[in-house]
C-alpha cells in the first residue's frame, strides 16, 4: 500500500509519505484508531489525489485536538467518537443532542471534573462543520471517488503519469488561469477579478457530483428501500456539458478539446420515482431527494452562502468541499 523507498542517504521514505504523516497524527489519538479500515486505503491511493486526502485527514486531527484543548487528562474512547461523528454543532438540533450527552455523562465518562466537562462541551460547540473521524473519511471518500473516476475517464490527459504524479497536477498542467469565471446556475457564469486553480477544479467536481448518474452507472442511494428512483447510464449530452464547462473553466486536455467539438442533442426531460420519505444525509453518496436538491442548487456561490445552522443537503455538500479542499473565496 505504502511503497517503501530508500533515499540516497539510506533513510527509508514512502511513496505516499505526506499521507502517511497526516495519518500518523490521527492514529496517535487512540480513540480514532478503531475505524482505520486499512483495506480501503488501496482504493484511495489508486485515485492519485493525495491533496484532498491529506486535507481531510488533517481536519480530523485538528477537530479532535480542539475537543481536547485545555482539558487536563483528556480521555476519549471509540464510543465517544461514534456518538459525535457526523454531528454538526452549528445545527441547533445537534447542539441540543451534544449538550444532552455531555450533561448526561453519555460521552467522555472517564472525565469526571465538572470544569473539564464544561470545557469539552465549549470546545465541541466551537467546531465548524460536521465532526469528522476515519469513518466519516471513508464514507466521504466513496463519494469523492465517483468524481475522481469520472474525471480520470473523461477529462484527465492520458499517458502523463510520470510527468504529473497526481490527478490535480495533471489538470493544473492543462489549465489556463486567464479564464476566470464562476458558474452560478447551470451554464450561466460571472466573470471574476482573478481566479486560482482550486476555484476551477472544485467547480468541475461540483458539476460531476451534480450529474454523476448521467456520467456513470452509479445511482444515488434510495430514500426508502424498494424505490428505485432512476436508471444510471452515461448520457452523451451530459458528457458534452462536462467538456463545455471544463473548457470554460480553462481546462484544455485533448479529451476536452475533442469533446467540445462534438454535436449533441439535449436529453429528454427525466422522470423520477420518488418516495414520500427523505432519508437523512450527512455524508457519502447522497440519497435521491438530496441528490435532486444538489442537482439544482450545488453551485459554488450558493454553497459559499449556505446557512450553517440549517440541516440541508447544500450545507452537507458545502462542508464536504471544505473538508477536502479547505475554504474558498473569490472576488467578482
Protein backbone atom coordinates (compact mmCIF):
# COMPACT_ATOMS: atom_id res chain seq x y z
CA UNK A 1 0.00 0.00 0.00
CA UNK A 2 2.72 2.47 1.05
CA UNK A 3 5.72 1.64 -1.14
CA UNK A 4 8.99 1.85 0.81
CA UNK A 5 11.77 3.88 -0.81
CA UNK A 6 15.36 4.14 0.40
CA UNK A 7 16.77 7.64 -0.11
CA UNK A 8 20.34 8.38 -1.19
CA UNK A 9 21.19 8.94 2.46
CA UNK A 10 19.98 5.46 3.33
CA UNK A 11 16.92 6.55 5.32
CA UNK A 12 13.55 4.97 4.44
CA UNK A 13 10.75 7.04 2.92
CA UNK A 14 7.44 6.09 1.37
CA UNK A 15 5.77 6.87 -1.92
CA UNK A 16 2.82 8.42 -0.08
CA UNK A 17 4.87 9.98 2.73
CA UNK A 18 2.67 13.08 3.15
CA UNK A 19 -0.46 10.96 3.55
CA UNK A 20 1.37 8.73 6.00
CA UNK A 21 2.46 11.74 8.06
CA UNK A 22 -1.12 13.05 8.27
CA UNK A 23 -2.44 9.60 9.15
CA UNK A 24 0.22 9.10 11.82
CA UNK A 25 -1.03 12.23 13.57
CA UNK A 26 -4.61 10.93 13.60
CA UNK A 27 -3.80 7.43 14.86
CA UNK A 28 -1.70 8.96 17.63
CA UNK A 29 -5.15 9.60 19.18
CA UNK A 30 -6.19 6.06 20.30
CA UNK A 31 -9.95 6.73 20.17
CA UNK A 32 -9.75 7.28 16.40
CA UNK A 33 -7.96 4.06 15.50
CA UNK A 34 -10.91 1.63 15.55
CA UNK A 35 -12.31 2.86 12.21
CA UNK A 36 -8.98 2.82 10.36
CA UNK A 37 -10.22 0.27 7.74
CA UNK A 38 -6.79 -0.43 6.25
CA UNK A 39 -8.31 -2.45 3.40
CA UNK A 40 -9.83 0.71 1.90
CA UNK A 41 -6.52 2.53 1.55
CA UNK A 42 -5.60 0.62 -1.59
CA UNK A 43 -8.69 2.15 -3.24
CA UNK A 44 -7.99 5.67 -2.01
CA UNK A 45 -4.32 5.65 -3.07
CA UNK A 46 -5.33 4.38 -6.52
CA UNK A 47 -7.21 7.65 -7.07
CA UNK A 48 -3.92 9.62 -7.16
CA UNK A 49 -5.45 12.58 -5.33
CA UNK A 50 -3.34 12.99 -2.17
CA UNK A 51 -4.10 16.70 -1.76
CA UNK A 52 -7.77 16.37 -0.66
CA UNK A 53 -6.99 13.19 1.30
CA UNK A 54 -4.33 14.99 3.34
CA UNK A 55 -6.62 17.98 3.90
CA UNK A 56 -9.47 15.79 5.20
CA UNK A 57 -7.25 13.67 7.47
CA UNK A 58 -5.65 16.84 8.85
CA UNK A 59 -9.11 18.20 9.62
CA UNK A 60 -9.87 15.07 11.67
CA UNK A 61 -6.75 15.65 13.74
CA UNK A 62 -7.42 19.37 14.22
CA UNK A 63 -11.03 18.82 15.29
CA UNK A 64 -10.19 16.19 17.89
CA UNK A 65 -7.23 18.10 19.30
CA UNK A 66 -9.57 21.10 19.58
CA UNK A 67 -12.03 18.95 21.56
CA UNK A 68 -9.19 18.00 23.93
CA UNK A 69 -7.77 21.53 24.23
CA UNK A 70 -7.20 22.83 27.79
CA UNK A 71 -8.61 19.63 29.33
CA UNK A 72 -6.05 18.08 31.71
CA UNK A 73 -6.03 14.31 31.48
CA UNK A 74 -8.41 14.29 28.50
CA UNK A 75 -9.55 10.75 27.75
CA UNK A 76 -11.79 9.60 24.90
CA UNK A 77 -12.70 6.17 23.60
CA UNK A 78 -14.08 4.85 20.32
CA UNK A 79 -17.63 5.06 21.68
CA UNK A 80 -17.25 8.82 22.16
CA UNK A 81 -16.11 9.16 18.55
CA UNK A 82 -19.04 7.08 17.28
CA UNK A 83 -21.56 9.24 19.15
CA UNK A 84 -20.12 12.53 17.86
CA UNK A 85 -19.13 11.72 14.26
CA UNK A 86 -21.48 13.15 11.60
CA UNK A 87 -22.98 15.65 14.09
CA UNK A 88 -22.71 19.37 13.29
CA UNK A 89 -22.52 21.68 16.35
CA UNK A 90 -23.78 24.63 14.29
CA UNK A 91 -27.16 22.93 13.79
CA UNK A 92 -29.49 23.57 16.77
CA UNK A 93 -30.81 20.00 16.99
CA UNK A 94 -27.27 18.63 17.08
CA UNK A 95 -26.18 21.20 19.69
CA UNK A 96 -29.02 20.05 21.93
CA UNK A 97 -28.02 16.40 21.43
CA UNK A 98 -24.35 17.16 22.21
CA UNK A 99 -25.26 19.11 25.36
CA UNK A 100 -27.54 16.29 26.49
CA UNK A 101 -24.79 13.69 26.01
CA UNK A 102 -22.23 15.75 27.94
CA UNK A 103 -24.55 16.63 30.82
CA UNK A 104 -25.96 13.11 30.98
CA UNK A 105 -22.44 11.63 31.03
CA UNK A 106 -23.18 9.59 27.92
CA UNK A 107 -19.81 10.57 26.45
CA UNK A 108 -16.35 11.13 27.95
CA UNK A 109 -17.33 9.16 31.05
CA UNK A 110 -13.70 8.96 32.15
CA UNK A 111 -13.53 12.74 32.54
CA UNK A 112 -15.03 13.42 35.97
CA UNK A 113 -14.08 17.02 36.74
CA UNK A 114 -17.14 19.28 36.06
CA UNK A 115 -14.94 22.15 34.82
CA UNK A 116 -13.18 19.82 32.39
CA UNK A 117 -16.50 18.50 31.09
CA UNK A 118 -17.72 22.08 30.58
CA UNK A 119 -14.52 22.85 28.67
CA UNK A 120 -15.03 19.80 26.43
CA UNK A 121 -18.56 20.99 25.68
CA UNK A 122 -17.34 24.50 24.79
CA UNK A 123 -14.65 23.02 22.59
CA UNK A 124 -17.11 20.79 20.71
CA UNK A 125 -19.58 23.63 20.18
CA UNK A 126 -16.77 25.80 18.79
CA UNK A 127 -16.16 23.38 15.91
CA UNK A 128 -17.19 24.44 12.42
CA UNK A 129 -18.89 21.95 10.14
CA UNK A 130 -19.58 18.26 10.63
CA UNK A 131 -17.49 16.39 13.20
CA UNK A 132 -15.15 14.06 11.34
CA UNK A 133 -13.49 10.73 12.05
CA UNK A 134 -11.87 7.99 10.00
CA UNK A 135 -15.38 6.59 9.47
CA UNK A 136 -16.66 9.87 8.00
CA UNK A 137 -13.48 9.97 5.91
CA UNK A 138 -14.16 6.55 4.38
CA UNK A 139 -17.82 7.41 3.83
CA UNK A 140 -16.96 10.64 2.03
CA UNK A 141 -14.11 9.09 0.06
CA UNK A 142 -16.68 6.77 -1.51
CA UNK A 143 -18.42 9.93 -2.79
CA UNK A 144 -15.22 11.69 -3.89
CA UNK A 145 -14.15 8.50 -5.68
CA UNK A 146 -17.14 8.86 -8.04
CA UNK A 147 -15.95 12.30 -9.16
CA UNK A 148 -12.29 11.30 -9.45
CA UNK A 149 -13.08 8.24 -11.59
CA UNK A 150 -15.30 10.28 -13.93
CA UNK A 151 -12.66 13.00 -14.32
CA UNK A 152 -9.96 10.42 -14.97
CA UNK A 153 -12.04 8.73 -17.65
CA UNK A 154 -13.36 11.78 -19.48
CA UNK A 155 -11.10 14.76 -18.71
CA UNK A 156 -7.61 13.82 -17.49
CA UNK A 157 -4.83 13.71 -20.09
CA UNK A 158 -3.67 10.10 -20.56
CA UNK A 159 -0.05 8.99 -20.56
CA UNK A 160 1.32 11.69 -18.26
CA UNK A 161 1.67 9.70 -15.04
CA UNK A 162 5.45 10.10 -14.88
CA UNK A 163 5.27 13.84 -15.59
CA UNK A 164 2.42 14.71 -13.25
CA UNK A 165 2.17 12.38 -10.29
CA UNK A 166 -1.33 13.31 -9.11
CA UNK A 167 -4.66 13.84 -10.78
CA UNK A 168 -4.68 17.50 -9.80
CA UNK A 169 -1.15 18.08 -11.08
CA UNK A 170 -2.32 16.65 -14.40
CA UNK A 171 -5.29 19.02 -14.50
CA UNK A 172 -3.19 22.02 -13.43
CA UNK A 173 -0.74 21.40 -16.29
CA UNK A 174 -3.62 21.84 -18.77
CA UNK A 175 -5.33 24.83 -17.13
CA UNK A 176 -5.42 28.45 -18.31
CA UNK A 177 -5.73 30.84 -15.35
CA UNK A 178 -6.96 33.64 -17.61
CA UNK A 179 -10.41 32.04 -17.82
CA UNK A 180 -11.64 33.45 -14.52
CA UNK A 181 -15.34 32.61 -14.17
CA UNK A 182 -17.74 31.24 -11.58
CA UNK A 183 -20.86 29.27 -12.52
CA UNK A 184 -23.88 30.42 -10.51
CA UNK A 185 -26.54 28.43 -12.42
CA UNK A 186 -26.27 25.63 -14.95
CA UNK A 187 -24.49 27.18 -17.94
CA UNK A 188 -24.55 30.73 -16.51
CA UNK A 189 -21.33 32.46 -15.44
CA UNK A 190 -19.97 35.62 -13.87
CA UNK A 191 -16.51 36.99 -14.52
CA UNK A 192 -14.07 37.00 -11.61
CA UNK A 193 -11.46 39.66 -10.91
CA UNK A 194 -8.96 36.79 -10.56
CA UNK A 195 -9.06 33.06 -10.07
CA UNK A 196 -6.89 30.21 -8.90
CA UNK A 197 -6.75 26.51 -9.63
CA UNK A 198 -8.81 25.43 -6.62
CA UNK A 199 -11.79 27.56 -7.70
CA UNK A 200 -11.74 25.97 -11.15
CA UNK A 201 -11.24 22.36 -10.11
CA UNK A 202 -13.87 22.49 -7.34
CA UNK A 203 -16.43 23.79 -9.85
CA UNK A 204 -15.57 20.88 -12.14
CA UNK A 205 -16.02 18.43 -9.27
CA UNK A 206 -19.34 20.03 -8.30
CA UNK A 207 -20.62 19.55 -11.85
CA UNK A 208 -19.67 15.87 -11.80
CA UNK A 209 -21.34 15.34 -8.42
CA UNK A 210 -24.50 17.15 -9.58
CA UNK A 211 -24.81 14.80 -12.54
CA UNK A 212 -22.91 11.60 -11.67
CA UNK A 213 -25.79 9.21 -12.57
CA UNK A 214 -25.61 10.56 -16.16
CA UNK A 215 -21.81 10.30 -16.33
CA UNK A 216 -21.50 6.78 -14.91
CA UNK A 217 -23.57 3.74 -13.95
CA UNK A 218 -23.71 4.79 -10.29
CA UNK A 219 -27.08 5.63 -8.76
CA UNK A 220 -27.95 7.80 -5.77
CA UNK A 221 -29.00 5.88 -2.68
CA UNK A 222 -32.66 5.03 -2.18
CA UNK A 223 -34.63 7.19 0.25
CA UNK A 224 -36.71 4.16 1.07
CA UNK A 225 -35.87 0.54 0.31
CA UNK A 226 -37.51 -0.77 -2.85
CA UNK A 227 -37.98 2.64 -4.53
CA UNK A 228 -35.55 2.76 -7.45
CA UNK A 229 -35.54 6.40 -8.45
CA UNK A 230 -33.60 6.33 -11.73
CA UNK A 231 -31.50 4.24 -14.07
CA UNK A 232 -27.91 5.44 -14.14
CA UNK A 233 -26.15 5.45 -17.51
CA UNK A 234 -23.69 7.63 -19.41
CA UNK A 235 -25.55 10.31 -21.37
CA UNK A 236 -23.70 11.91 -24.31
CA UNK A 237 -25.38 15.25 -23.69
CA UNK A 238 -24.09 15.44 -20.11
CA UNK A 239 -20.64 14.48 -21.37
CA UNK A 240 -20.86 17.42 -23.78
CA UNK A 241 -21.89 19.69 -20.89
CA UNK A 242 -18.90 18.42 -18.88
CA UNK A 243 -16.50 19.17 -21.72
CA UNK A 244 -18.06 22.59 -22.27
CA UNK A 245 -17.78 23.54 -18.61
CA UNK A 246 -14.21 22.25 -18.40
CA UNK A 247 -13.27 24.41 -21.39
CA UNK A 248 -14.99 27.49 -19.95
CA UNK A 249 -13.12 26.98 -16.67
CA UNK A 250 -9.82 26.92 -18.56
CA UNK A 251 -9.08 23.19 -18.83
CA UNK A 252 -7.74 22.07 -22.21
CA UNK A 253 -6.82 18.40 -22.33
CA UNK A 254 -7.09 16.51 -25.60
CA UNK A 255 -10.30 14.87 -24.32
CA UNK A 256 -11.86 18.25 -23.59
CA UNK A 257 -10.85 19.69 -26.97
CA UNK A 258 -12.39 16.73 -28.80
CA UNK A 259 -15.50 16.75 -26.62
CA UNK A 260 -16.45 20.39 -27.16
CA UNK A 261 -16.40 19.88 -30.93
CA UNK A 262 -18.92 17.05 -30.89
CA UNK A 263 -22.50 17.95 -31.71
CA UNK A 264 -25.06 16.60 -29.30
CA UNK A 265 -28.81 16.97 -28.80
CA UNK A 266 -30.21 17.81 -25.38
CA UNK A 267 -31.53 14.85 -23.42
CA UNK A 268 -35.23 14.38 -22.89
CA UNK A 269 -36.57 15.57 -19.51
CA UNK A 270 -36.16 12.83 -16.95
CA UNK A 271 -38.93 11.37 -14.83
CA UNK A 272 -38.18 10.18 -11.33
CA UNK A 273 -39.93 7.80 -8.98
CA UNK A 274 -39.72 9.38 -5.53
CA UNK A 275 -40.55 8.13 -2.07
CA UNK A 276 -42.52 10.45 0.20
CA UNK A 277 -39.78 9.93 2.77
CA UNK A 278 -36.49 11.87 2.70
CA UNK A 279 -33.56 9.94 4.13
CA UNK A 280 -31.22 11.90 6.39
CA UNK A 281 -27.89 12.61 4.73
CA UNK A 282 -24.69 13.74 6.42
CA UNK A 283 -22.04 12.35 4.10
CA UNK A 284 -21.12 9.89 1.38
CA UNK A 285 -23.20 9.22 -1.71
CA UNK A 286 -26.48 11.14 -1.36
CA UNK A 287 -29.97 9.61 -1.34
CA UNK A 288 -32.29 10.56 -4.19
CA UNK A 289 -34.07 13.57 -2.71
CA UNK A 290 -30.78 15.07 -1.53
CA UNK A 291 -29.31 14.39 -4.97
CA UNK A 292 -32.14 16.37 -6.58
CA UNK A 293 -31.50 19.27 -4.18
CA UNK A 294 -27.85 19.23 -5.21
CA UNK A 295 -28.61 18.85 -8.92
CA UNK A 296 -30.39 22.20 -8.95
CA UNK A 297 -28.51 24.07 -6.21
CA UNK A 298 -24.95 22.81 -5.76
CA UNK A 299 -23.04 25.70 -7.35
CA UNK A 300 -20.05 27.34 -5.72
CA UNK A 301 -21.68 30.75 -4.97
CA UNK A 302 -24.71 29.00 -3.44
CA UNK A 303 -22.59 26.69 -1.29
CA UNK A 304 -20.45 29.56 -0.02
CA UNK A 305 -23.63 31.34 1.12
CA UNK A 306 -25.37 28.30 2.60
CA UNK A 307 -26.74 28.70 6.13
CA UNK A 308 -24.62 26.79 8.63
CA UNK A 309 -27.46 26.36 11.13
CA UNK A 310 -29.84 24.54 8.76
CA UNK A 311 -29.65 20.78 8.19
CA UNK A 312 -29.87 20.89 4.40
CA UNK A 313 -28.29 18.97 1.54
CA UNK A 314 -26.45 22.14 0.49
CA UNK A 315 -24.95 22.50 3.99
CA UNK A 316 -23.65 18.92 3.84
CA UNK A 317 -22.23 19.43 0.33
CA UNK A 318 -20.58 22.71 1.33
CA UNK A 319 -18.96 21.01 4.32
CA UNK A 320 -17.81 18.12 2.10
CA UNK A 321 -15.98 20.61 -0.14
CA UNK A 322 -14.45 22.45 2.82
CA UNK A 323 -13.29 19.21 4.44
CA UNK A 324 -11.44 18.07 1.31
CA UNK A 325 -10.36 21.38 -0.24
CA UNK A 326 -10.40 24.00 2.50
CA UNK A 327 -12.01 27.41 2.42
CA UNK A 328 -12.67 29.00 -0.96
CA UNK A 329 -13.16 32.69 -1.70
CA UNK A 330 -13.20 34.87 -4.79
CA UNK A 331 -13.87 38.45 -5.91
CA UNK A 332 -16.16 39.47 -8.74
